[in-house]
PDB file of N, CA and C in Angstrom:
ATOM      1  N   MET A   1      15.179 -21.905  26.299  1.00  0.00           N
ATOM      2  CA  MET A   1      14.878 -20.494  26.470  1.00  0.00           C
ATOM      3  C   MET A   1      15.621 -19.639  25.443  1.00  0.00           C
ATOM      4  N   SER A   2      16.905 -19.960  25.210  1.00  0.00           N
ATOM      5  CA  SER A   2      17.684 -19.159  24.262  1.00  0.00           C
ATOM      6  C   SER A   2      17.148 -19.306  22.843  1.00  0.00           C
ATOM      7  N   LYS A   3      16.533 -20.455  22.512  1.00  0.00           N
ATOM      8  CA  LYS A   3      15.931 -20.620  21.186  1.00  0.00           C
ATOM      9  C   LYS A   3      14.762 -19.656  21.013  1.00  0.00           C
ATOM     10  N   VAL A   4      14.001 -19.453  22.073  1.00  0.00           N
ATOM     11  CA  VAL A   4      12.856 -18.541  22.022  1.00  0.00           C
ATOM     12  C   VAL A   4      13.346 -17.116  21.814  1.00  0.00           C
ATOM     13  N   ILE A   5      14.390 -16.728  22.504  1.00  0.00           N
ATOM     14  CA  ILE A   5      14.941 -15.379  22.365  1.00  0.00           C
ATOM     15  C   ILE A   5      15.501 -15.184  20.957  1.00  0.00           C
ATOM     16  N   ALA A   6      16.202 -16.196  20.452  1.00  0.00           N
ATOM     17  CA  ALA A   6      16.768 -16.112  19.106  1.00  0.00           C
ATOM     18  C   ALA A   6      15.663 -15.999  18.058  1.00  0.00           C
ATOM     19  N   LEU A   7      14.595 -16.764  18.229  1.00  0.00           N
ATOM     20  CA  LEU A   7      13.471 -16.713  17.295  1.00  0.00           C
ATOM     21  C   LEU A   7      12.794 -15.347  17.345  1.00  0.00           C
ATOM     22  N   ALA A   8      12.618 -14.809  18.539  1.00  0.00           N
ATOM     23  CA  ALA A   8      12.010 -13.482  18.688  1.00  0.00           C
ATOM     24  C   ALA A   8      12.878 -12.416  18.025  1.00  0.00           C
ATOM     25  N   ALA A   9      14.183 -12.502  18.222  1.00  0.00           N
ATOM     26  CA  ALA A   9      15.097 -11.531  17.615  1.00  0.00           C
ATOM     27  C   ALA A   9      15.058 -11.636  16.092  1.00  0.00           C
ATOM     28  N   LEU A  10      15.025 -12.850  15.580  1.00  0.00           N
ATOM     29  CA  LEU A  10      14.956 -13.055  14.139  1.00  0.00           C
ATOM     30  C   LEU A  10      13.668 -12.475  13.561  1.00  0.00           C
ATOM     31  N   SER A  11      12.565 -12.676  14.255  1.00  0.00           N
ATOM     32  CA  SER A  11      11.289 -12.153  13.753  1.00  0.00           C
ATOM     33  C   SER A  11      11.296 -10.628  13.737  1.00  0.00           C
ATOM     34  N   LEU A  12      11.982 -10.009  14.672  1.00  0.00           N
ATOM     35  CA  LEU A  12      12.072  -8.548  14.682  1.00  0.00           C
ATOM     36  C   LEU A  12      12.912  -8.033  13.516  1.00  0.00           C
ATOM     37  N   LEU A  13      13.875  -8.821  13.086  1.00  0.00           N
ATOM     38  CA  LEU A  13      14.698  -8.426  11.958  1.00  0.00           C
ATOM     39  C   LEU A  13      13.992  -8.648  10.628  1.00  0.00           C
ATOM     40  N   VAL A  14      13.240  -9.720  10.514  1.00  0.00           N
ATOM     41  CA  VAL A  14      12.588 -10.077   9.259  1.00  0.00           C
ATOM     42  C   VAL A  14      11.301  -9.287   9.048  1.00  0.00           C
ATOM     43  N   ALA A  15      10.512  -9.098  10.069  1.00  0.00           N
ATOM     44  CA  ALA A  15       9.207  -8.455   9.930  1.00  0.00           C
ATOM     45  C   ALA A  15       9.295  -7.044   9.350  1.00  0.00           C
ATOM     46  N   PRO A  16      10.177  -6.181   9.828  1.00  0.00           N
ATOM     47  CA  PRO A  16      10.226  -4.840   9.233  1.00  0.00           C
ATOM     48  C   PRO A  16      10.613  -4.853   7.763  1.00  0.00           C
ATOM     49  N   GLN A  17      11.481  -5.777   7.357  1.00  0.00           N
ATOM     50  CA  GLN A  17      11.867  -5.847   5.959  1.00  0.00           C
ATOM     51  C   GLN A  17      10.692  -6.268   5.096  1.00  0.00           C
ATOM     52  N   ALA A  18       9.928  -7.225   5.550  1.00  0.00           N
ATOM     53  CA  ALA A  18       8.755  -7.668   4.795  1.00  0.00           C
ATOM     54  C   ALA A  18       7.730  -6.546   4.722  1.00  0.00           C
ATOM     55  N   PHE A  19       7.571  -5.819   5.823  1.00  0.00           N
ATOM     56  CA  PHE A  19       6.612  -4.719   5.847  1.00  0.00           C
ATOM     57  C   PHE A  19       7.065  -3.589   4.928  1.00  0.00           C
ATOM     58  N   ALA A  20       8.338  -3.306   4.932  1.00  0.00           N
ATOM     59  CA  ALA A  20       8.861  -2.209   4.119  1.00  0.00           C
ATOM     60  C   ALA A  20       8.709  -2.479   2.628  1.00  0.00           C
ATOM     61  N   ALA A  21       8.691  -3.745   2.241  1.00  0.00           N
ATOM     62  CA  ALA A  21       8.557  -4.078   0.833  1.00  0.00           C
ATOM     63  C   ALA A  21       7.222  -3.596   0.291  1.00  0.00           C
ATOM     64  N   GLY A  22       6.169  -3.688   1.091  1.00  0.00           N
ATOM     65  CA  GLY A  22       4.858  -3.217   0.677  1.00  0.00           C
ATOM     66  C   GLY A  22       4.326  -3.954  -0.536  1.00  0.00           C
ATOM     67  N   LYS A  23       3.145  -3.567  -0.942  1.00  0.00           N
ATOM     68  CA  LYS A  23       2.516  -4.183  -2.114  1.00  0.00           C
ATOM     69  C   LYS A  23       2.929  -3.443  -3.372  1.00  0.00           C
ATOM     70  N   PRO A  24       2.981  -4.175  -4.472  1.00  0.00           N
ATOM     71  CA  PRO A  24       3.167  -3.495  -5.757  1.00  0.00           C
ATOM     72  C   PRO A  24       1.951  -2.601  -6.029  1.00  0.00           C
ATOM     73  N   CYS A  25       2.194  -1.475  -6.647  1.00  0.00           N
ATOM     74  CA  CYS A  25       1.124  -0.493  -6.853  1.00  0.00           C
ATOM     75  C   CYS A  25      -0.034  -1.035  -7.689  1.00  0.00           C
ATOM     76  N   GLU A  26       0.269  -1.765  -8.736  1.00  0.00           N
ATOM     77  CA  GLU A  26      -0.812  -2.286  -9.589  1.00  0.00           C
ATOM     78  C   GLU A  26      -1.694  -3.274  -8.822  1.00  0.00           C
ATOM     79  N   GLU A  27      -1.079  -4.068  -7.962  1.00  0.00           N
ATOM     80  CA  GLU A  27      -1.848  -5.019  -7.152  1.00  0.00           C
ATOM     81  C   GLU A  27      -2.766  -4.278  -6.180  1.00  0.00           C
ATOM     82  N   LEU A  28      -2.240  -3.256  -5.518  1.00  0.00           N
ATOM     83  CA  LEU A  28      -3.053  -2.497  -4.571  1.00  0.00           C
ATOM     84  C   LEU A  28      -4.162  -1.738  -5.293  1.00  0.00           C
ATOM     85  N   LYS A  29      -3.856  -1.149  -6.448  1.00  0.00           N
ATOM     86  CA  LYS A  29      -4.888  -0.453  -7.222  1.00  0.00           C
ATOM     87  C   LYS A  29      -6.022  -1.409  -7.597  1.00  0.00           C
ATOM     88  N   ALA A  30      -5.678  -2.617  -7.998  1.00  0.00           N
ATOM     89  CA  ALA A  30      -6.694  -3.607  -8.374  1.00  0.00           C
ATOM     90  C   ALA A  30      -7.566  -3.976  -7.176  1.00  0.00           C
ATOM     91  N   GLU A  31      -6.965  -4.137  -6.009  1.00  0.00           N
ATOM     92  CA  GLU A  31      -7.738  -4.461  -4.803  1.00  0.00           C
ATOM     93  C   GLU A  31      -8.679  -3.322  -4.426  1.00  0.00           C
ATOM     94  N   ILE A  32      -8.179  -2.092  -4.483  1.00  0.00           N
ATOM     95  CA  ILE A  32      -9.008  -0.934  -4.143  1.00  0.00           C
ATOM     96  C   ILE A  32     -10.144  -0.788  -5.153  1.00  0.00           C
ATOM     97  N   ALA A  33      -9.837  -0.951  -6.440  1.00  0.00           N
ATOM     98  CA  ALA A  33     -10.862  -0.849  -7.487  1.00  0.00           C
ATOM     99  C   ALA A  33     -11.944  -1.894  -7.286  1.00  0.00           C
ATOM    100  N   ALA A  34     -11.557  -3.109  -6.921  1.00  0.00           N
ATOM    101  CA  ALA A  34     -12.538  -4.169  -6.686  1.00  0.00           C
ATOM    102  C   ALA A  34     -13.465  -3.802  -5.533  1.00  0.00           C
ATOM    103  N   LYS A  35     -12.921  -3.221  -4.484  1.00  0.00           N
ATOM    104  CA  LYS A  35     -13.755  -2.817  -3.341  1.00  0.00           C
ATOM    105  C   LYS A  35     -14.694  -1.681  -3.717  1.00  0.00           C
ATOM    106  N   LEU A  36     -14.190  -0.708  -4.474  1.00  0.00           N
ATOM    107  CA  LEU A  36     -15.044   0.411  -4.894  1.00  0.00           C
ATOM    108  C   LEU A  36     -16.144  -0.075  -5.826  1.00  0.00           C
ATOM    109  N   ASP A  37     -15.789  -0.942  -6.770  1.00  0.00           N
ATOM    110  CA  ASP A  37     -16.783  -1.492  -7.699  1.00  0.00           C
ATOM    111  C   ASP A  37     -17.855  -2.285  -6.956  1.00  0.00           C
ATOM    112  N   ALA A  38     -17.441  -3.053  -5.955  1.00  0.00           N
ATOM    113  CA  ALA A  38     -18.387  -3.854  -5.172  1.00  0.00           C
ATOM    114  C   ALA A  38     -19.371  -2.973  -4.412  1.00  0.00           C
ATOM    115  N   LYS A  39     -18.929  -1.766  -4.072  1.00  0.00           N
ATOM    116  CA  LYS A  39     -19.814  -0.828  -3.369  1.00  0.00           C
ATOM    117  C   LYS A  39     -20.634   0.010  -4.332  1.00  0.00           C
ATOM    118  N   GLY A  40     -20.449  -0.214  -5.632  1.00  0.00           N
ATOM    119  CA  GLY A  40     -21.229   0.503  -6.630  1.00  0.00           C
ATOM    120  C   GLY A  40     -20.688   1.871  -6.983  1.00  0.00           C
ATOM    121  N   VAL A  41     -19.452   2.158  -6.615  1.00  0.00           N
ATOM    122  CA  VAL A  41     -18.858   3.453  -6.938  1.00  0.00           C
ATOM    123  C   VAL A  41     -18.553   3.485  -8.429  1.00  0.00           C
ATOM    124  N   LYS A  42     -18.948   4.558  -9.091  1.00  0.00           N
ATOM    125  CA  LYS A  42     -18.737   4.728 -10.527  1.00  0.00           C
ATOM    126  C   LYS A  42     -17.988   6.030 -10.783  1.00  0.00           C
ATOM    127  N   GLY A  43     -17.337   6.102 -11.921  1.00  0.00           N
ATOM    128  CA  GLY A  43     -16.700   7.347 -12.350  1.00  0.00           C
ATOM    129  C   GLY A  43     -15.564   7.811 -11.470  1.00  0.00           C
ATOM    130  N   TYR A  44     -14.557   6.981 -11.320  1.00  0.00           N
ATOM    131  CA  TYR A  44     -13.394   7.366 -10.520  1.00  0.00           C
ATOM    132  C   TYR A  44     -12.124   6.953 -11.249  1.00  0.00           C
ATOM    133  N   THR A  45     -11.026   7.533 -10.839  1.00  0.00           N
ATOM    134  CA  THR A  45      -9.709   7.184 -11.369  1.00  0.00           C
ATOM    135  C   THR A  45      -8.777   6.943 -10.194  1.00  0.00           C
ATOM    136  N   LEU A  46      -8.037   5.847 -10.255  1.00  0.00           N
ATOM    137  CA  LEU A  46      -6.996   5.562  -9.278  1.00  0.00           C
ATOM    138  C   LEU A  46      -5.661   5.718  -9.993  1.00  0.00           C
ATOM    139  N   GLU A  47      -4.724   6.375  -9.317  1.00  0.00           N
ATOM    140  CA  GLU A  47      -3.424   6.593  -9.930  1.00  0.00           C
ATOM    141  C   GLU A  47      -2.325   6.406  -8.889  1.00  0.00           C
ATOM    142  N   ALA A  48      -1.243   5.768  -9.284  1.00  0.00           N
ATOM    143  CA  ALA A  48      -0.070   5.624  -8.425  1.00  0.00           C
ATOM    144  C   ALA A  48       0.889   6.757  -8.761  1.00  0.00           C
ATOM    145  N   LEU A  49       1.202   7.554  -7.738  1.00  0.00           N
ATOM    146  CA  LEU A  49       2.082   8.700  -7.942  1.00  0.00           C
ATOM    147  C   LEU A  49       3.239   8.659  -6.958  1.00  0.00           C
ATOM    148  N   ALA A  50       4.364   9.209  -7.372  1.00  0.00           N
ATOM    149  CA  ALA A  50       5.484   9.370  -6.444  1.00  0.00           C
ATOM    150  C   ALA A  50       5.031  10.282  -5.302  1.00  0.00           C
ATOM    151  N   ASN A  51       5.562  10.060  -4.133  1.00  0.00           N
ATOM    152  CA  ASN A  51       5.146  10.836  -2.961  1.00  0.00           C
ATOM    153  C   ASN A  51       5.208  12.341  -3.184  1.00  0.00           C
ATOM    154  N   ASP A  52       6.230  12.802  -3.889  1.00  0.00           N
ATOM    155  CA  ASP A  52       6.378  14.245  -4.087  1.00  0.00           C
ATOM    156  C   ASP A  52       5.494  14.792  -5.210  1.00  0.00           C
ATOM    157  N   ALA A  53       4.750  13.928  -5.894  1.00  0.00           N
ATOM    158  CA  ALA A  53       3.889  14.363  -6.995  1.00  0.00           C
ATOM    159  C   ALA A  53       2.408  14.342  -6.626  1.00  0.00           C
ATOM    160  N   VAL A  54       2.091  14.004  -5.388  1.00  0.00           N
ATOM    161  CA  VAL A  54       0.690  13.846  -4.978  1.00  0.00           C
ATOM    162  C   VAL A  54      -0.052  15.169  -4.946  1.00  0.00           C
ATOM    163  N   GLY A  55       0.583  16.214  -4.485  1.00  0.00           N
ATOM    164  CA  GLY A  55      -0.077  17.509  -4.389  1.00  0.00           C
ATOM    165  C   GLY A  55      -1.271  17.452  -3.461  1.00  0.00           C
ATOM    166  N   ASP A  56      -2.427  17.965  -3.926  1.00  0.00           N
ATOM    167  CA  ASP A  56      -3.621  17.986  -3.078  1.00  0.00           C
ATOM    168  C   ASP A  56      -4.585  16.842  -3.404  1.00  0.00           C
ATOM    169  N   ALA A  57      -4.107  15.842  -4.146  1.00  0.00           N
ATOM    170  CA  ALA A  57      -4.943  14.686  -4.491  1.00  0.00           C
ATOM    171  C   ALA A  57      -5.306  13.910  -3.225  1.00  0.00           C
ATOM    172  N   LYS A  58      -6.444  13.224  -3.272  1.00  0.00           N
ATOM    173  CA  LYS A  58      -6.895  12.415  -2.137  1.00  0.00           C
ATOM    174  C   LYS A  58      -6.134  11.091  -2.137  1.00  0.00           C
ATOM    175  N   VAL A  59      -5.326  10.876  -1.107  1.00  0.00           N
ATOM    176  CA  VAL A  59      -4.522   9.655  -0.982  1.00  0.00           C
ATOM    177  C   VAL A  59      -5.357   8.594  -0.277  1.00  0.00           C
ATOM    178  N   ILE A  60      -5.441   7.397  -0.908  1.00  0.00           N
ATOM    179  CA  ILE A  60      -6.218   6.316  -0.289  1.00  0.00           C
ATOM    180  C   ILE A  60      -5.388   5.056  -0.070  1.00  0.00           C
ATOM    181  N   GLY A  61      -4.086   5.130  -0.365  1.00  0.00           N
ATOM    182  CA  GLY A  61      -3.225   3.977  -0.133  1.00  0.00           C
ATOM    183  C   GLY A  61      -1.770   4.308  -0.382  1.00  0.00           C
ATOM    184  N   SER A  62      -0.915   3.406   0.061  1.00  0.00           N
ATOM    185  CA  SER A  62       0.523   3.555  -0.115  1.00  0.00           C
ATOM    186  C   SER A  62       1.062   2.243  -0.659  1.00  0.00           C
ATOM    187  N   CYS A  63       2.012   2.329  -1.581  1.00  0.00           N
ATOM    188  CA  CYS A  63       2.544   1.117  -2.205  1.00  0.00           C
ATOM    189  C   CYS A  63       4.029   1.285  -2.493  1.00  0.00           C
ATOM    190  N   ALA A  64       4.609   0.242  -3.073  1.00  0.00           N
ATOM    191  CA  ALA A  64       6.024   0.253  -3.455  1.00  0.00           C
ATOM    192  C   ALA A  64       6.915   0.639  -2.278  1.00  0.00           C
ATOM    193  N   GLY A  65       6.669   0.006  -1.151  1.00  0.00           N
ATOM    194  CA  GLY A  65       7.501   0.255   0.019  1.00  0.00           C
ATOM    195  C   GLY A  65       7.371   1.663   0.568  1.00  0.00           C
ATOM    196  N   GLY A  66       6.221   2.298   0.330  1.00  0.00           N
ATOM    197  CA  GLY A  66       5.993   3.649   0.833  1.00  0.00           C
ATOM    198  C   GLY A  66       6.540   4.745  -0.058  1.00  0.00           C
ATOM    199  N   THR A  67       7.051   4.390  -1.238  1.00  0.00           N
ATOM    200  CA  THR A  67       7.610   5.396  -2.138  1.00  0.00           C
ATOM    201  C   THR A  67       6.568   6.016  -3.058  1.00  0.00           C
ATOM    202  N   GLN A  68       5.389   5.383  -3.134  1.00  0.00           N
ATOM    203  CA  GLN A  68       4.316   5.913  -3.967  1.00  0.00           C
ATOM    204  C   GLN A  68       3.002   5.886  -3.194  1.00  0.00           C
ATOM    205  N   LYS A  69       2.074   6.721  -3.635  1.00  0.00           N
ATOM    206  CA  LYS A  69       0.743   6.789  -3.044  1.00  0.00           C
ATOM    207  C   LYS A  69      -0.295   6.502  -4.122  1.00  0.00           C
ATOM    208  N   ILE A  70      -1.374   5.843  -3.716  1.00  0.00           N
ATOM    209  CA  ILE A  70      -2.518   5.626  -4.604  1.00  0.00           C
ATOM    210  C   ILE A  70      -3.471   6.779  -4.351  1.00  0.00           C
ATOM    211  N   THR A  71      -3.828   7.479  -5.411  1.00  0.00           N
ATOM    212  CA  THR A  71      -4.742   8.614  -5.288  1.00  0.00           C
ATOM    213  C   THR A  71      -6.075   8.286  -5.939  1.00  0.00           C
ATOM    214  N   TYR A  72      -7.121   8.918  -5.423  1.00  0.00           N
ATOM    215  CA  TYR A  72      -8.497   8.730  -5.903  1.00  0.00           C
ATOM    216  C   TYR A  72      -8.994  10.058  -6.433  1.00  0.00           C
ATOM    217  N   LYS A  73      -9.603  10.008  -7.620  1.00  0.00           N
ATOM    218  CA  LYS A  73     -10.196  11.222  -8.201  1.00  0.00           C
ATOM    219  C   LYS A  73     -11.523  10.847  -8.826  1.00  0.00           C
ATOM    220  N   LYS A  74     -12.532  11.603  -8.522  1.00  0.00           N
ATOM    221  CA  LYS A  74     -13.854  11.407  -9.113  1.00  0.00           C
ATOM    222  C   LYS A  74     -13.808  11.946 -10.537  1.00  0.00           C
ATOM    223  N   SER A  75     -14.283  11.142 -11.492  1.00  0.00           N
ATOM    224  CA  SER A  75     -14.262  11.558 -12.910  1.00  0.00           C
ATOM    225  C   SER A  75     -15.469  12.385 -13.250  1.00  0.00           C
TER     226      SER A  75
END
């Protein structure tokens, strides 16, 4: 029983750290671009911006451990 509790406690400690790491921005941008291209979306720009630089841009993702946002702009 104590092994189960120890394993559960360990998973609670490890999981948030893995989640906080997030995806690298270039990797997430590539995944989003592939999905948009597959749907036939044309004439757009994806940009990774610091959270405080987003302004009124349309945010479609978060990367770099939540420190940056992926923005979408129609060209």
